[in-house]
C-alpha atoms as a PDB file:
ATOM      1  CA  MET A   1      30.433 -30.293   8.644  1.00  0.00           C
ATOM      2  CA  THR A   2      27.066 -29.418   9.431  1.00  0.00           C
ATOM      3  CA  LYS A   3      24.459 -28.015   7.518  1.00  0.00           C
ATOM      4  CA  MET A   4      24.037 -24.427   6.177  1.00  0.00           C
ATOM      5  CA  LYS A   5      20.822 -22.071   7.259  1.00  0.00           C
ATOM      6  CA  SER A   6      19.120 -20.114   4.782  1.00  0.00           C
ATOM      7  CA  LEU A   7      17.369 -17.155   6.016  1.00  0.00           C
ATOM      8  CA  SER A   8      13.886 -18.159   5.015  1.00  0.00           C
ATOM      9  CA  SER A   9      12.131 -14.578   4.939  1.00  0.00           C
ATOM     10  CA  LEU A  10      14.639 -14.610   1.665  1.00  0.00           C
ATOM     11  CA  LYS A  11      13.512 -17.272   0.461  1.00  0.00           C
ATOM     12  CA  ARG A  12       9.653 -16.046  -0.778  1.00  0.00           C
ATOM     13  CA  ARG A  13      11.305 -12.374  -1.408  1.00  0.00           C
ATOM     14  CA  ILE A  14      14.505 -12.818  -3.738  1.00  0.00           C
ATOM     15  CA  LYS A  15      14.452 -15.017  -6.648  1.00  0.00           C
ATOM     16  CA  LYS A  16      17.336 -16.682  -8.812  1.00  0.00           C
ATOM     17  CA  THR A  17      17.559 -16.632 -12.077  1.00  0.00           C
ATOM     18  CA  GLY A  18      19.120 -18.827 -14.616  1.00  0.00           C
ATOM     19  CA  ARG A  19      22.334 -16.932 -15.293  1.00  0.00           C
ATOM     20  CA  GLY A  20      22.728 -16.385 -11.127  1.00  0.00           C
ATOM     21  CA  ARG A  21      21.368 -13.088 -11.115  1.00  0.00           C
ATOM     22  CA  TYR A  22      18.934 -12.505  -7.670  1.00  0.00           C
ATOM     23  CA  MET A  23      15.688 -10.861  -8.666  1.00  0.00           C
ATOM     24  CA  HIS A  24      14.059  -9.098  -6.170  1.00  0.00           C
ATOM     25  CA  GLY A  25      10.134  -7.055  -5.993  1.00  0.00           C
ATOM     26  CA  HIS A  26      10.358  -3.567  -4.969  1.00  0.00           C
ATOM     27  CA  GLY A  27       8.182  -2.391  -1.938  1.00  0.00           C
ATOM     28  CA  GLY A  28       5.567   0.510  -1.100  1.00  0.00           C
ATOM     29  CA  THR A  29       3.279  -1.321  -2.894  1.00  0.00           C
ATOM     30  CA  ASN A  30       0.786  -2.308  -0.523  1.00  0.00           C
ATOM     31  CA  HIS A  31      -1.508   0.818   0.437  1.00  0.00           C
ATOM     32  CA  ASN A  32      -1.470   4.729  -0.505  1.00  0.00           C
ATOM     33  CA  ASN A  33      -1.664   4.112  -3.881  1.00  0.00           C
ATOM     34  CA  GLY A  34      -3.952   6.816  -4.713  1.00  0.00           C
ATOM     35  CA  CYS A  35      -1.374   9.630  -4.193  1.00  0.00           C
ATOM     36  CA  LYS A  36       1.227   7.758  -6.370  1.00  0.00           C
ATOM     37  CA  SER A  37       1.162   8.645 -10.176  1.00  0.00           C
ATOM     38  CA  ASN A  38       1.073   5.986 -12.748  1.00  0.00           C
ATOM     39  CA  SER A  39       4.263   6.051 -13.543  1.00  0.00           C
ATOM     40  CA  ARG A  40       5.558   4.849 -10.474  1.00  0.00           C
ATOM     41  CA  LYS A  41       3.157   2.587  -9.449  1.00  0.00           C
ATOM     42  CA  ARG A  42       4.081   0.817 -12.802  1.00  0.00           C
ATOM     43  CA  ARG A  43       7.871   1.025 -12.204  1.00  0.00           C
ATOM     44  CA  LEU A  44       7.410  -0.379  -8.448  1.00  0.00           C
ATOM     45  CA  ARG A  45       5.210  -3.421 -10.345  1.00  0.00           C
ATOM     46  CA  THR A  46       8.385  -4.608 -12.525  1.00  0.00           C
ATOM     47  CA  PRO A  47      11.097  -6.789 -10.270  1.00  0.00           C
ATOM     48  CA  SER A  48      14.665  -5.407 -10.430  1.00  0.00           C
ATOM     49  CA  GLU A  49      18.009  -6.669 -10.031  1.00  0.00           C
ATOM     50  CA  ALA A  50      20.475  -7.166  -6.943  1.00  0.00           C
ATOM     51  CA  THR A  51      23.591  -4.717  -7.487  1.00  0.00           C
ATOM     52  CA  LYS A  52      26.363  -6.281  -6.900  1.00  0.00           C
ATOM     53  CA  THR A  53      27.393  -6.186  -3.115  1.00  0.00           C
ATOM     54  CA  GLU A  54      24.073  -7.162  -2.656  1.00  0.00           C
ATOM     55  CA  ALA A  55      24.409 -10.273  -4.418  1.00  0.00           C
ATOM     56  CA  LYS A  56      27.521 -10.593  -2.187  1.00  0.00           C
ATOM     57  CA  ARG A  57      25.716 -10.649   0.489  1.00  0.00           C
ATOM     58  CA  LEU A  58      22.966 -12.650  -0.782  1.00  0.00           C
ATOM     59  CA  LYS A  59      24.231 -15.406  -1.738  1.00  0.00           C
ATOM     60  CA  GLN A  60      25.628 -15.744   1.937  1.00  0.00           C
ATOM     61  CA  LEU A  61      22.548 -16.087   2.924  1.00  0.00           C
ATOM     62  CA  LEU A  62      20.735 -18.100   0.512  1.00  0.00           C
ATOM     63  CA  PRO A  63      24.037 -21.061   0.518  1.00  0.00           C
ATOM     64  CA  TYR A  64      21.145 -23.771  -1.634  1.00  0.00           C
ATOM     65  CA  ALA A  65      18.978 -20.716  -3.892  1.00  0.00           C
END
């Protein structure tokens, strides 16, 4: 059987935790930050966990993560 390929762009964006959950960063933090509130920018800074349905898809896209 051939080796399964990971989606290379996701390797940089998604991290798998020790418990097997997938963590990802938020978008919308690179520019136009002057109009965003401090609380919003602070909220976007923290990584968040992928939902159950997202995790199912990520497991297929990152077989060796």
